[in-house]
């Protein structure tokens, strides 16, 4: 069993890093998580022993598992993410599930997206050097990058530079399902 003080410091460090990596202020994380700004300050300074409920809300808002927040040492050789720990984001006809993510040695995220017919998702520009790989499992993807549209059919894949605005659209009549990997260079966040 880990020393409580060591655990609190690990949580403080992990929350601070993840919030900073995602470009969130304390106020933004408070709004997303439903955890007060004051409590977040205490968590990030290692001055409190947060409840599981508090950790769950923070983890969900950051798109990671509670296990990621309490990691004390190096990244484990094998990390299994239980389906109950997968974070889901929904907006209108778009449902995105962050299946698993890693932040060392580079930032990687594996996503499962479903987009209803006629709906789309506008992706903001990621940091320089970020690449995305997408494969279409069902339907047809219309990917727009830098104003140019590309149609990606079922069982096809696409790789593109994602450091500019981009759009995932379903212009078909059936649900679109894609699996996406986002690969972001870590050094852009450590400078």
N, C-alpha and C. Protein backbone atom coordinates (compact mmCIF):
# COMPACT_ATOMS: atom_id res chain seq x y z
N UNK A 1 0.84 -1.19 0.00
CA UNK A 1 0.00 0.00 0.00
C UNK A 1 0.88 1.24 0.00
N UNK A 2 0.49 2.23 -0.83
CA UNK A 2 1.26 3.46 -0.96
C UNK A 2 1.12 4.33 0.28
N UNK A 3 2.15 5.09 0.58
CA UNK A 3 2.13 6.08 1.65
C UNK A 3 1.14 7.18 1.27
N UNK A 4 0.22 7.56 2.19
CA UNK A 4 -0.80 8.58 1.85
C UNK A 4 -0.20 9.90 1.36
N UNK A 5 0.89 10.34 1.96
CA UNK A 5 1.51 11.60 1.54
C UNK A 5 2.07 11.48 0.12
N UNK A 6 2.69 10.34 -0.18
CA UNK A 6 3.21 10.09 -1.52
C UNK A 6 2.07 10.07 -2.53
N UNK A 7 0.96 9.45 -2.17
CA UNK A 7 -0.21 9.37 -3.04
C UNK A 7 -0.77 10.76 -3.31
N UNK A 8 -0.89 11.59 -2.26
CA UNK A 8 -1.40 12.95 -2.43
C UNK A 8 -0.51 13.77 -3.36
N UNK A 9 0.81 13.60 -3.23
CA UNK A 9 1.74 14.32 -4.09
C UNK A 9 1.65 13.84 -5.54
N UNK A 10 1.45 12.53 -5.73
CA UNK A 10 1.29 11.98 -7.08
C UNK A 10 0.02 12.53 -7.72
N UNK A 11 -1.07 12.55 -6.96
CA UNK A 11 -2.34 13.09 -7.46
C UNK A 11 -2.15 14.57 -7.81
N UNK A 12 -1.51 15.33 -6.93
CA UNK A 12 -1.28 16.76 -7.17
C UNK A 12 -0.52 16.97 -8.48
N UNK A 13 0.56 16.24 -8.64
CA UNK A 13 1.39 16.36 -9.82
C UNK A 13 0.64 15.95 -11.09
N UNK A 14 -0.08 14.84 -11.03
CA UNK A 14 -0.80 14.34 -12.20
C UNK A 14 -1.93 15.29 -12.61
N UNK A 15 -2.69 15.79 -11.66
CA UNK A 15 -3.79 16.71 -11.99
C UNK A 15 -3.23 18.00 -12.58
N UNK A 16 -2.19 18.54 -11.96
CA UNK A 16 -1.57 19.78 -12.45
C UNK A 16 -1.07 19.59 -13.89
N UNK A 17 -0.36 18.47 -14.13
CA UNK A 17 0.18 18.21 -15.46
C UNK A 17 -0.94 18.05 -16.49
N UNK A 18 -1.94 17.23 -16.18
CA UNK A 18 -3.01 16.96 -17.13
C UNK A 18 -3.83 18.22 -17.43
N UNK A 19 -4.09 19.02 -16.41
CA UNK A 19 -4.83 20.27 -16.64
C UNK A 19 -4.02 21.19 -17.55
N UNK A 20 -2.73 21.33 -17.25
CA UNK A 20 -1.86 22.19 -18.05
C UNK A 20 -1.75 21.67 -19.48
N UNK A 21 -1.59 20.36 -19.63
CA UNK A 21 -1.48 19.74 -20.96
C UNK A 21 -2.70 20.03 -21.81
N UNK A 22 -3.86 20.06 -21.20
CA UNK A 22 -5.10 20.30 -21.94
C UNK A 22 -5.41 21.79 -22.07
N UNK A 23 -4.53 22.64 -21.52
CA UNK A 23 -4.70 24.08 -21.66
C UNK A 23 -5.87 24.63 -20.88
N UNK A 24 -6.21 23.98 -19.76
CA UNK A 24 -7.35 24.40 -18.96
C UNK A 24 -6.91 25.26 -17.78
N UNK A 25 -7.68 26.28 -17.47
CA UNK A 25 -7.46 27.04 -16.24
C UNK A 25 -8.14 26.28 -15.10
N UNK A 26 -7.85 26.69 -13.88
CA UNK A 26 -8.54 26.09 -12.73
C UNK A 26 -10.05 26.32 -12.84
N UNK A 27 -10.45 27.51 -13.26
CA UNK A 27 -11.88 27.81 -13.40
C UNK A 27 -12.55 26.92 -14.45
N UNK A 28 -11.86 26.68 -15.56
CA UNK A 28 -12.41 25.82 -16.61
C UNK A 28 -12.56 24.38 -16.13
N UNK A 29 -11.53 23.89 -15.41
CA UNK A 29 -11.61 22.53 -14.89
C UNK A 29 -12.71 22.43 -13.83
N UNK A 30 -12.87 23.46 -13.03
CA UNK A 30 -13.94 23.47 -12.03
C UNK A 30 -15.31 23.38 -12.72
N UNK A 31 -15.49 24.14 -13.78
CA UNK A 31 -16.77 24.13 -14.49
C UNK A 31 -17.03 22.77 -15.13
N UNK A 32 -16.00 22.17 -15.71
CA UNK A 32 -16.15 20.87 -16.35
C UNK A 32 -16.41 19.74 -15.37
N UNK A 33 -15.76 19.81 -14.22
CA UNK A 33 -15.80 18.69 -13.27
C UNK A 33 -16.87 18.81 -12.21
N UNK A 34 -17.32 20.04 -11.93
CA UNK A 34 -18.25 20.23 -10.82
C UNK A 34 -17.55 20.21 -9.48
N UNK A 35 -16.22 20.29 -9.49
CA UNK A 35 -15.42 20.37 -8.26
C UNK A 35 -15.03 21.84 -8.10
N UNK A 36 -15.19 22.37 -6.90
CA UNK A 36 -14.93 23.79 -6.70
C UNK A 36 -13.47 24.14 -6.99
N UNK A 37 -13.27 25.39 -7.37
CA UNK A 37 -11.91 25.88 -7.65
C UNK A 37 -11.04 25.73 -6.41
N UNK A 38 -11.59 26.05 -5.25
CA UNK A 38 -10.84 25.93 -4.00
C UNK A 38 -10.37 24.50 -3.74
N UNK A 39 -11.25 23.53 -3.99
CA UNK A 39 -10.85 22.13 -3.80
C UNK A 39 -9.77 21.75 -4.81
N UNK A 40 -9.89 22.23 -6.05
CA UNK A 40 -8.87 21.92 -7.06
C UNK A 40 -7.51 22.49 -6.66
N UNK A 41 -7.51 23.69 -6.09
CA UNK A 41 -6.25 24.28 -5.62
C UNK A 41 -5.64 23.38 -4.54
N UNK A 42 -6.46 22.93 -3.60
CA UNK A 42 -5.96 22.04 -2.54
C UNK A 42 -5.42 20.73 -3.12
N UNK A 43 -6.13 20.17 -4.11
CA UNK A 43 -5.69 18.92 -4.73
C UNK A 43 -4.35 19.14 -5.42
N UNK A 44 -4.24 20.21 -6.23
CA UNK A 44 -3.01 20.47 -6.98
C UNK A 44 -1.83 20.83 -6.08
N UNK A 45 -2.10 21.27 -4.87
CA UNK A 45 -1.02 21.58 -3.93
C UNK A 45 -0.75 20.42 -2.99
N UNK A 46 -1.49 19.33 -3.13
CA UNK A 46 -1.27 18.15 -2.29
C UNK A 46 -1.65 18.37 -0.84
N UNK A 47 -2.58 19.31 -0.58
CA UNK A 47 -2.96 19.65 0.79
C UNK A 47 -4.22 18.93 1.25
N UNK A 48 -4.75 18.04 0.43
CA UNK A 48 -5.97 17.34 0.81
C UNK A 48 -5.91 15.90 0.33
N UNK A 49 -6.71 15.06 0.95
CA UNK A 49 -6.85 13.67 0.53
C UNK A 49 -8.22 13.58 -0.14
N UNK A 50 -8.26 13.79 -1.48
CA UNK A 50 -9.56 13.88 -2.15
C UNK A 50 -10.33 12.55 -2.12
N UNK A 51 -11.64 12.67 -2.07
CA UNK A 51 -12.50 11.48 -2.07
C UNK A 51 -12.49 10.84 -3.45
N UNK A 52 -12.92 9.60 -3.51
CA UNK A 52 -13.03 8.91 -4.79
C UNK A 52 -14.00 9.66 -5.70
N UNK A 53 -15.07 10.18 -5.13
CA UNK A 53 -16.04 10.93 -5.92
C UNK A 53 -15.39 12.16 -6.55
N UNK A 54 -14.59 12.88 -5.79
CA UNK A 54 -13.90 14.05 -6.30
C UNK A 54 -12.91 13.64 -7.39
N UNK A 55 -12.15 12.58 -7.16
CA UNK A 55 -11.18 12.11 -8.16
C UNK A 55 -11.89 11.66 -9.44
N UNK A 56 -13.03 11.01 -9.29
CA UNK A 56 -13.79 10.55 -10.45
C UNK A 56 -14.24 11.72 -11.30
N UNK A 57 -14.73 12.76 -10.66
CA UNK A 57 -15.19 13.94 -11.42
C UNK A 57 -14.03 14.65 -12.11
N UNK A 58 -12.89 14.76 -11.42
CA UNK A 58 -11.71 15.40 -12.03
C UNK A 58 -11.21 14.55 -13.20
N UNK A 59 -11.11 13.25 -12.98
CA UNK A 59 -10.62 12.35 -14.04
C UNK A 59 -11.51 12.43 -15.27
N UNK A 60 -12.81 12.39 -15.05
CA UNK A 60 -13.76 12.45 -16.16
C UNK A 60 -13.60 13.75 -16.94
N UNK A 61 -13.45 14.86 -16.23
CA UNK A 61 -13.29 16.16 -16.88
C UNK A 61 -11.99 16.25 -17.66
N UNK A 62 -10.97 15.52 -17.22
CA UNK A 62 -9.67 15.53 -17.91
C UNK A 62 -9.57 14.44 -18.98
N UNK A 63 -10.57 13.56 -19.03
CA UNK A 63 -10.56 12.50 -20.04
C UNK A 63 -9.61 11.37 -19.73
N UNK A 64 -9.37 11.12 -18.45
CA UNK A 64 -8.49 10.02 -18.03
C UNK A 64 -9.20 9.19 -16.98
N UNK A 65 -8.59 8.09 -16.60
CA UNK A 65 -9.16 7.27 -15.55
C UNK A 65 -8.66 7.75 -14.19
N UNK A 66 -9.36 7.35 -13.16
CA UNK A 66 -8.90 7.65 -11.80
C UNK A 66 -7.52 7.01 -11.59
N UNK A 67 -7.34 5.83 -12.15
CA UNK A 67 -6.04 5.14 -12.03
C UNK A 67 -4.91 6.02 -12.55
N UNK A 68 -5.17 6.77 -13.62
CA UNK A 68 -4.13 7.65 -14.17
C UNK A 68 -3.80 8.77 -13.19
N UNK A 69 -4.80 9.25 -12.45
CA UNK A 69 -4.55 10.33 -11.49
C UNK A 69 -3.73 9.87 -10.30
N UNK A 70 -3.83 8.59 -9.95
CA UNK A 70 -3.14 8.12 -8.75
C UNK A 70 -1.85 7.35 -9.07
N UNK A 71 -1.43 7.33 -10.34
CA UNK A 71 -0.18 6.66 -10.71
C UNK A 71 0.96 7.34 -9.98
N UNK A 72 1.75 6.55 -9.28
CA UNK A 72 2.85 7.10 -8.48
C UNK A 72 4.16 7.07 -9.24
N UNK A 73 4.42 6.03 -9.97
CA UNK A 73 5.72 5.90 -10.62
C UNK A 73 5.62 5.98 -12.12
N UNK A 74 6.47 5.21 -12.73
CA UNK A 74 6.51 5.16 -14.18
C UNK A 74 5.23 4.54 -14.74
N UNK A 75 5.03 4.74 -16.03
CA UNK A 75 3.89 4.14 -16.70
C UNK A 75 4.06 2.62 -16.65
N UNK A 76 3.02 1.89 -16.26
CA UNK A 76 3.14 0.44 -16.17
C UNK A 76 3.41 -0.17 -17.54
N UNK A 77 4.05 -1.34 -17.55
CA UNK A 77 4.35 -2.04 -18.77
C UNK A 77 3.07 -2.38 -19.52
N UNK A 78 2.06 -2.80 -18.80
CA UNK A 78 0.75 -3.10 -19.38
C UNK A 78 -0.31 -2.39 -18.55
N UNK A 79 -1.20 -1.67 -19.22
CA UNK A 79 -2.29 -1.00 -18.52
C UNK A 79 -3.58 -1.33 -19.25
N UNK A 80 -4.48 -2.02 -18.58
CA UNK A 80 -5.76 -2.37 -19.15
C UNK A 80 -6.79 -1.35 -18.67
N UNK A 81 -7.53 -0.81 -19.61
CA UNK A 81 -8.58 0.15 -19.27
C UNK A 81 -9.91 -0.58 -19.36
N UNK A 82 -10.57 -0.72 -18.23
CA UNK A 82 -11.86 -1.37 -18.18
C UNK A 82 -12.90 -0.50 -18.89
N UNK A 83 -13.86 -1.15 -19.55
CA UNK A 83 -14.88 -0.40 -20.29
C UNK A 83 -15.63 0.58 -19.39
N UNK A 84 -15.71 0.30 -18.11
CA UNK A 84 -16.40 1.23 -17.20
C UNK A 84 -15.59 2.50 -16.97
N UNK A 85 -14.30 2.47 -17.31
CA UNK A 85 -13.45 3.65 -17.14
C UNK A 85 -13.32 4.49 -18.40
N UNK A 86 -13.94 4.06 -19.50
CA UNK A 86 -13.88 4.81 -20.75
C UNK A 86 -14.73 6.07 -20.60
N UNK A 87 -14.16 7.19 -21.00
CA UNK A 87 -14.84 8.48 -20.88
C UNK A 87 -15.59 8.76 -22.19
N UNK A 88 -16.87 9.13 -22.08
CA UNK A 88 -17.70 9.40 -23.24
C UNK A 88 -18.13 10.86 -23.26
N UNK A 89 -18.00 11.47 -24.43
CA UNK A 89 -18.44 12.84 -24.65
C UNK A 89 -19.55 12.80 -25.69
N UNK A 90 -20.64 13.50 -25.44
CA UNK A 90 -21.73 13.54 -26.42
C UNK A 90 -22.13 14.98 -26.67
N UNK A 91 -22.51 15.26 -27.91
CA UNK A 91 -23.02 16.57 -28.28
C UNK A 91 -23.85 16.39 -29.54
N UNK A 92 -25.11 16.72 -29.46
CA UNK A 92 -26.04 16.54 -30.57
C UNK A 92 -25.95 15.11 -31.09
N UNK A 93 -25.64 14.92 -32.38
CA UNK A 93 -25.57 13.59 -32.96
C UNK A 93 -24.19 12.99 -32.98
N UNK A 94 -23.29 13.50 -32.14
CA UNK A 94 -21.92 13.01 -32.11
C UNK A 94 -21.64 12.38 -30.74
N UNK A 95 -21.06 11.18 -30.76
CA UNK A 95 -20.67 10.49 -29.52
C UNK A 95 -19.22 10.04 -29.69
N UNK A 96 -18.35 10.54 -28.80
CA UNK A 96 -16.93 10.20 -28.86
C UNK A 96 -16.51 9.56 -27.55
N UNK A 97 -15.83 8.42 -27.66
CA UNK A 97 -15.35 7.72 -26.48
C UNK A 97 -13.82 7.68 -26.51
N UNK A 98 -13.19 8.21 -25.48
CA UNK A 98 -11.74 8.14 -25.34
C UNK A 98 -11.44 6.79 -24.71
N UNK A 99 -10.99 5.84 -25.53
CA UNK A 99 -10.80 4.47 -25.08
C UNK A 99 -9.58 4.34 -24.17
N UNK A 100 -8.48 4.95 -24.56
CA UNK A 100 -7.25 4.88 -23.77
C UNK A 100 -6.34 6.01 -24.22
N UNK A 101 -5.51 6.48 -23.32
CA UNK A 101 -4.55 7.52 -23.65
C UNK A 101 -3.25 7.30 -22.89
N UNK A 102 -2.20 7.86 -23.43
CA UNK A 102 -0.89 7.79 -22.79
C UNK A 102 -0.20 9.13 -22.98
N UNK A 103 0.68 9.48 -22.07
CA UNK A 103 1.38 10.75 -22.21
C UNK A 103 2.90 10.61 -22.19
N UNK A 104 3.39 9.39 -22.31
CA UNK A 104 4.83 9.20 -22.31
C UNK A 104 5.16 7.99 -23.18
N UNK A 105 6.11 8.06 -24.06
CA UNK A 105 7.02 9.18 -24.34
C UNK A 105 6.39 10.26 -25.22
N UNK A 106 5.27 9.96 -25.83
CA UNK A 106 4.53 10.98 -26.56
C UNK A 106 3.07 10.88 -26.15
N UNK A 107 2.29 11.85 -26.51
CA UNK A 107 0.88 11.87 -26.13
C UNK A 107 0.10 11.11 -27.21
N UNK A 108 -0.60 10.06 -26.79
CA UNK A 108 -1.39 9.24 -27.70
C UNK A 108 -2.79 9.08 -27.14
N UNK A 109 -3.78 9.11 -28.03
CA UNK A 109 -5.17 8.89 -27.62
C UNK A 109 -5.83 7.99 -28.66
N UNK A 110 -6.61 7.03 -28.18
CA UNK A 110 -7.37 6.14 -29.05
C UNK A 110 -8.85 6.43 -28.83
N UNK A 111 -9.55 6.81 -29.90
CA UNK A 111 -10.95 7.24 -29.83
C UNK A 111 -11.84 6.34 -30.67
N UNK A 112 -13.10 6.21 -30.25
CA UNK A 112 -14.15 5.55 -31.00
C UNK A 112 -15.27 6.59 -31.16
N UNK A 113 -15.54 6.99 -32.40
CA UNK A 113 -16.52 8.05 -32.68
C UNK A 113 -17.71 7.48 -33.43
N UNK A 114 -18.89 8.02 -33.13
CA UNK A 114 -20.12 7.73 -33.88
C UNK A 114 -20.76 9.07 -34.20
N UNK A 115 -21.06 9.25 -35.48
CA UNK A 115 -21.65 10.51 -35.93
C UNK A 115 -22.91 10.19 -36.71
N UNK A 116 -24.02 10.78 -36.28
CA UNK A 116 -25.32 10.55 -36.91
C UNK A 116 -25.34 11.18 -38.30
N UNK A 117 -26.22 10.67 -39.18
CA UNK A 117 -26.34 11.26 -40.51
C UNK A 117 -26.63 12.76 -40.42
N UNK A 118 -25.91 13.53 -41.24
CA UNK A 118 -26.11 14.98 -41.28
C UNK A 118 -25.37 15.75 -40.21
N UNK A 119 -24.74 15.06 -39.27
CA UNK A 119 -24.01 15.75 -38.20
C UNK A 119 -22.51 15.81 -38.50
N UNK A 120 -21.82 16.61 -37.70
CA UNK A 120 -20.37 16.76 -37.87
C UNK A 120 -19.74 17.18 -36.55
N UNK A 121 -18.42 17.09 -36.51
CA UNK A 121 -17.65 17.59 -35.38
C UNK A 121 -16.51 18.43 -35.94
N UNK A 122 -16.38 19.65 -35.42
CA UNK A 122 -15.29 20.53 -35.81
C UNK A 122 -14.16 20.38 -34.81
N UNK A 123 -13.01 19.92 -35.28
CA UNK A 123 -11.84 19.77 -34.42
C UNK A 123 -10.97 21.00 -34.48
N UNK A 124 -10.57 21.47 -33.31
CA UNK A 124 -9.66 22.61 -33.26
C UNK A 124 -8.26 22.17 -33.69
N UNK A 125 -7.45 23.13 -34.05
CA UNK A 125 -6.06 22.84 -34.39
C UNK A 125 -5.33 22.34 -33.15
N UNK A 126 -4.64 21.23 -33.28
CA UNK A 126 -3.82 20.68 -32.20
C UNK A 126 -2.45 21.35 -32.25
N UNK A 127 -1.59 21.11 -31.26
CA UNK A 127 -0.24 21.68 -31.29
C UNK A 127 0.53 21.24 -32.54
N UNK A 128 1.51 22.02 -32.97
CA UNK A 128 2.30 21.68 -34.15
C UNK A 128 2.86 20.25 -34.07
N UNK A 129 2.82 19.57 -35.20
CA UNK A 129 3.36 18.22 -35.27
C UNK A 129 2.36 17.13 -34.95
N UNK A 130 1.16 17.48 -34.54
CA UNK A 130 0.15 16.47 -34.20
C UNK A 130 -0.36 15.81 -35.47
N UNK A 131 -0.48 14.47 -35.41
CA UNK A 131 -1.02 13.70 -36.53
C UNK A 131 -2.22 12.92 -36.04
N UNK A 132 -3.17 12.68 -36.94
CA UNK A 132 -4.31 11.83 -36.63
C UNK A 132 -4.41 10.74 -37.69
N UNK A 133 -4.76 9.54 -37.22
CA UNK A 133 -5.01 8.40 -38.11
C UNK A 133 -6.43 7.96 -37.85
N UNK A 134 -7.19 7.77 -38.92
CA UNK A 134 -8.60 7.43 -38.79
C UNK A 134 -8.90 6.26 -39.73
N UNK A 135 -9.69 5.31 -39.25
CA UNK A 135 -10.22 4.28 -40.11
C UNK A 135 -11.74 4.27 -39.97
N UNK A 136 -12.41 4.03 -41.07
CA UNK A 136 -13.87 4.04 -41.09
C UNK A 136 -14.37 2.61 -40.92
N UNK A 137 -15.14 2.37 -39.85
CA UNK A 137 -15.70 1.05 -39.59
C UNK A 137 -17.09 0.90 -40.21
N UNK A 138 -17.86 1.98 -40.21
CA UNK A 138 -19.22 1.97 -40.78
C UNK A 138 -19.48 3.33 -41.40
N UNK A 139 -20.18 3.33 -42.53
CA UNK A 139 -20.56 4.58 -43.18
C UNK A 139 -19.45 5.17 -44.02
N UNK A 140 -19.52 6.49 -44.22
CA UNK A 140 -18.56 7.20 -45.05
C UNK A 140 -18.22 8.54 -44.39
N UNK A 141 -16.96 8.80 -44.22
CA UNK A 141 -16.46 10.02 -43.57
C UNK A 141 -16.13 11.07 -44.62
N UNK A 142 -16.59 12.29 -44.38
CA UNK A 142 -16.12 13.43 -45.17
C UNK A 142 -15.22 14.22 -44.22
N UNK A 143 -13.92 14.16 -44.48
CA UNK A 143 -12.91 14.83 -43.67
C UNK A 143 -12.50 16.11 -44.38
N UNK A 144 -12.62 17.22 -43.69
CA UNK A 144 -12.20 18.50 -44.26
C UNK A 144 -11.03 19.03 -43.46
N UNK A 145 -9.92 19.25 -44.15
CA UNK A 145 -8.71 19.79 -43.53
C UNK A 145 -8.25 20.97 -44.36
N UNK A 146 -8.13 22.10 -43.69
CA UNK A 146 -7.66 23.33 -44.35
C UNK A 146 -8.52 23.69 -45.55
N UNK A 147 -9.85 23.48 -45.41
CA UNK A 147 -10.79 23.87 -46.44
C UNK A 147 -10.97 22.88 -47.58
N UNK A 148 -10.21 21.79 -47.59
CA UNK A 148 -10.34 20.79 -48.66
C UNK A 148 -10.96 19.52 -48.09
N UNK A 149 -12.02 19.03 -48.76
CA UNK A 149 -12.73 17.84 -48.29
C UNK A 149 -12.22 16.58 -48.97
N UNK A 150 -12.21 15.49 -48.17
CA UNK A 150 -11.77 14.18 -48.63
C UNK A 150 -12.81 13.17 -48.16
N UNK A 151 -13.23 12.27 -49.06
CA UNK A 151 -14.19 11.24 -48.70
C UNK A 151 -13.42 9.96 -48.41
N UNK A 152 -13.70 9.38 -47.22
CA UNK A 152 -13.04 8.15 -46.78
C UNK A 152 -14.12 7.10 -46.58
N UNK A 153 -14.05 6.03 -47.36
CA UNK A 153 -15.08 5.00 -47.33
C UNK A 153 -14.84 3.95 -46.26
N UNK A 154 -15.84 3.08 -46.10
CA UNK A 154 -15.77 1.98 -45.13
C UNK A 154 -14.53 1.13 -45.40
N UNK A 155 -13.83 0.79 -44.32
CA UNK A 155 -12.61 -0.02 -44.34
C UNK A 155 -11.39 0.71 -44.89
N UNK A 156 -11.54 1.98 -45.26
CA UNK A 156 -10.40 2.79 -45.69
C UNK A 156 -9.85 3.54 -44.49
N UNK A 157 -8.65 4.07 -44.63
CA UNK A 157 -8.01 4.81 -43.55
C UNK A 157 -7.39 6.08 -44.10
N UNK A 158 -7.14 7.03 -43.21
CA UNK A 158 -6.53 8.29 -43.60
C UNK A 158 -5.58 8.74 -42.49
N UNK A 159 -4.49 9.37 -42.89
CA UNK A 159 -3.52 9.96 -41.97
C UNK A 159 -3.38 11.42 -42.37
N UNK A 160 -3.46 12.33 -41.39
CA UNK A 160 -3.33 13.75 -41.73
C UNK A 160 -2.70 14.54 -40.60
N UNK A 161 -2.17 15.69 -40.95
CA UNK A 161 -1.60 16.62 -39.99
C UNK A 161 -2.75 17.39 -39.36
N UNK A 162 -2.85 17.33 -38.03
CA UNK A 162 -4.02 17.88 -37.34
C UNK A 162 -3.71 19.17 -36.59
N UNK A 163 -2.66 19.87 -37.02
CA UNK A 163 -2.32 21.12 -36.36
C UNK A 163 -2.99 22.32 -37.05
N UNK A 164 -4.14 22.05 -37.62
CA UNK A 164 -4.99 23.06 -38.24
C UNK A 164 -6.43 22.63 -38.03
N UNK A 165 -7.39 23.55 -38.12
CA UNK A 165 -8.79 23.14 -37.92
C UNK A 165 -9.18 22.04 -38.91
N UNK A 166 -10.04 21.14 -38.45
CA UNK A 166 -10.50 20.03 -39.29
C UNK A 166 -11.92 19.65 -38.90
N UNK A 167 -12.61 18.99 -39.81
CA UNK A 167 -14.01 18.62 -39.58
C UNK A 167 -14.22 17.17 -39.98
N UNK A 168 -14.95 16.45 -39.10
CA UNK A 168 -15.41 15.10 -39.39
C UNK A 168 -16.91 15.22 -39.65
N UNK A 169 -17.36 14.83 -40.85
CA UNK A 169 -18.77 14.98 -41.18
C UNK A 169 -19.33 13.67 -41.73
N UNK A 170 -20.59 13.46 -41.41
CA UNK A 170 -21.34 12.33 -41.96
C UNK A 170 -22.38 12.90 -42.90
N UNK A 171 -22.10 12.85 -44.19
CA UNK A 171 -23.03 13.37 -45.18
C UNK A 171 -23.91 12.25 -45.75
N UNK A 172 -23.77 11.05 -45.19
CA UNK A 172 -24.54 9.91 -45.66
C UNK A 172 -25.86 9.76 -44.93
N UNK A 173 -26.52 8.61 -45.15
CA UNK A 173 -27.83 8.35 -44.55
C UNK A 173 -27.74 7.35 -43.40
N UNK A 174 -26.57 6.75 -43.18
CA UNK A 174 -26.38 5.78 -42.09
C UNK A 174 -25.39 6.35 -41.08
N UNK A 175 -25.40 5.78 -39.88
CA UNK A 175 -24.46 6.22 -38.86
C UNK A 175 -23.02 6.02 -39.33
N UNK A 176 -22.16 6.97 -38.99
CA UNK A 176 -20.73 6.88 -39.28
C UNK A 176 -20.02 6.44 -38.01
N UNK A 177 -19.16 5.44 -38.12
CA UNK A 177 -18.35 5.02 -36.97
C UNK A 177 -16.90 4.98 -37.41
N UNK A 178 -16.07 5.71 -36.67
CA UNK A 178 -14.65 5.76 -36.96
C UNK A 178 -13.85 5.46 -35.70
N UNK A 179 -12.65 4.95 -35.90
CA UNK A 179 -11.68 4.80 -34.83
C UNK A 179 -10.52 5.71 -35.19
N UNK A 180 -10.08 6.49 -34.21
CA UNK A 180 -9.06 7.51 -34.44
C UNK A 180 -7.93 7.39 -33.43
N UNK A 181 -6.71 7.61 -33.91
CA UNK A 181 -5.55 7.73 -33.04
C UNK A 181 -5.01 9.13 -33.21
N UNK A 182 -4.81 9.84 -32.10
CA UNK A 182 -4.20 11.16 -32.11
C UNK A 182 -2.80 11.01 -31.52
N UNK A 183 -1.80 11.45 -32.27
CA UNK A 183 -0.40 11.38 -31.81
C UNK A 183 0.15 12.81 -31.77
N UNK A 184 0.48 13.23 -30.56
CA UNK A 184 0.92 14.61 -30.35
C UNK A 184 2.32 14.60 -29.74
N UNK A 185 3.26 15.34 -30.32
CA UNK A 185 4.60 15.38 -29.74
C UNK A 185 4.56 15.95 -28.33
N UNK A 186 5.21 15.29 -27.42
CA UNK A 186 5.20 15.72 -26.02
C UNK A 186 5.94 17.03 -25.80
N UNK A 187 7.01 17.27 -26.55
CA UNK A 187 7.84 18.46 -26.30
C UNK A 187 7.09 19.77 -26.47
N UNK A 188 5.98 19.77 -27.20
CA UNK A 188 5.23 21.02 -27.34
C UNK A 188 4.65 21.47 -26.01
N UNK A 189 4.50 20.55 -25.05
CA UNK A 189 3.92 20.90 -23.76
C UNK A 189 4.97 21.10 -22.68
N UNK A 190 6.20 20.72 -22.98
CA UNK A 190 7.24 20.80 -21.96
C UNK A 190 8.11 22.02 -22.10
N UNK A 191 7.85 22.83 -23.11
CA UNK A 191 8.69 24.01 -23.34
C UNK A 191 8.35 25.11 -22.38
